[in-house]
Amino acid sequence: MIGLTRLNGTRITINALLIETIEEMPDTLITLTTGKKLHVLEKSSEVISLVQRYLQTIGAIAATTYKSEQTEETSS
């Protein structure tokens, strides 16, 4: 889960795994896999960093990196 700020200043916590797209217009528009759209104050780069940090905490990035490193070593 990541914490973001709606345009009206209220905080919202969303499931980072449900993010489908992030568009930066004057504000940032996040579209979830459920079809729901959220406008937030954070820039897309900030949202991406939050998602990456979240994935690291749950081990998703480490597992993916480890698996791709193994694949590269066996193909050499």
Protein backbone atom coordinates (compact mmCIF):
# COMPACT_ATOMS: atom_id res chain seq x y z
CA MET A 1 0.00 0.00 0.00
CA ILE A 2 1.20 3.52 -0.75
CA GLY A 3 0.03 6.83 0.66
CA LEU A 4 -0.88 9.65 -1.72
CA THR A 5 -2.61 13.05 -1.54
CA ARG A 6 -5.84 13.84 -3.37
CA LEU A 7 -6.21 17.24 -5.03
CA ASN A 8 -8.31 18.50 -2.09
CA GLY A 9 -5.44 17.70 0.32
CA THR A 10 -6.88 14.56 1.91
CA ARG A 11 -4.62 11.53 2.23
CA ILE A 12 -5.50 8.25 0.54
CA THR A 13 -3.83 4.86 0.72
CA ILE A 14 -4.04 2.66 -2.36
CA ASN A 15 -2.94 -0.84 -3.25
CA ALA A 16 0.15 -0.31 -5.42
CA LEU A 17 -0.41 -3.67 -7.13
CA LEU A 18 -3.66 -2.38 -8.65
CA ILE A 19 -2.05 0.51 -10.54
CA GLU A 20 -2.47 0.08 -14.28
CA THR A 21 -1.35 3.47 -15.62
CA ILE A 22 0.04 6.75 -14.31
CA GLU A 23 -0.46 9.85 -16.45
CA GLU A 24 1.03 13.23 -15.70
CA MET A 25 -1.18 16.07 -16.82
CA PRO A 26 -1.25 19.27 -14.79
CA ASP A 27 -1.92 16.82 -11.95
CA THR A 28 -1.25 13.08 -11.85
CA LEU A 29 -3.99 10.68 -12.92
CA ILE A 30 -3.72 7.10 -11.67
CA THR A 31 -5.90 4.44 -13.27
CA LEU A 32 -6.39 1.24 -11.32
CA THR A 33 -7.04 -2.19 -12.80
CA THR A 34 -10.56 -1.88 -11.38
CA GLY A 35 -11.19 1.07 -13.71
CA LYS A 36 -11.23 3.63 -10.90
CA LYS A 37 -9.32 6.85 -11.61
CA LEU A 38 -7.61 8.97 -8.96
CA HIS A 39 -6.18 12.48 -9.27
CA VAL A 40 -3.28 13.05 -6.89
CA LEU A 41 -0.85 15.88 -6.13
CA GLU A 42 2.32 13.75 -6.31
CA LYS A 43 4.24 13.73 -9.59
CA SER A 44 4.37 10.47 -11.55
CA SER A 45 8.05 10.01 -10.67
CA GLU A 46 7.16 10.21 -6.95
CA VAL A 47 4.39 7.64 -7.38
CA ILE A 48 6.75 5.32 -9.25
CA SER A 49 9.35 5.64 -6.47
CA LEU A 50 6.69 4.84 -3.85
CA VAL A 51 5.58 1.78 -5.82
CA GLN A 52 9.18 0.58 -6.25
CA ARG A 53 9.86 1.04 -2.53
CA TYR A 54 6.67 -0.88 -1.70
CA LEU A 55 7.63 -3.72 -4.04
CA GLN A 56 11.05 -3.90 -2.39
CA THR A 57 9.47 -4.17 1.05
CA ILE A 58 7.34 -7.13 -0.02
CA GLY A 59 10.25 -8.74 -1.86
CA ALA A 60 8.72 -8.56 -5.33
CA ILE A 61 11.61 -6.66 -6.91
CA ALA A 62 14.26 -8.81 -5.26
CA ALA A 63 12.55 -11.98 -6.47
CA THR A 64 12.24 -10.65 -10.02
CA THR A 65 15.82 -9.41 -10.09
CA TYR A 66 17.15 -12.70 -8.72
CA LYS A 67 15.18 -14.70 -11.28
CA SER A 68 16.35 -12.56 -14.23
CA GLU A 69 19.97 -12.75 -13.02
CA GLN A 70 19.74 -16.53 -12.93
CA THR A 71 18.30 -16.60 -16.44
CA GLU A 72 21.14 -14.40 -17.75
CA GLU A 73 23.79 -16.62 -16.10
CA THR A 74 22.37 -19.85 -17.55
CA SER A 75 22.08 -18.38 -21.04
CA SER A 76 25.78 -17.32 -21.08
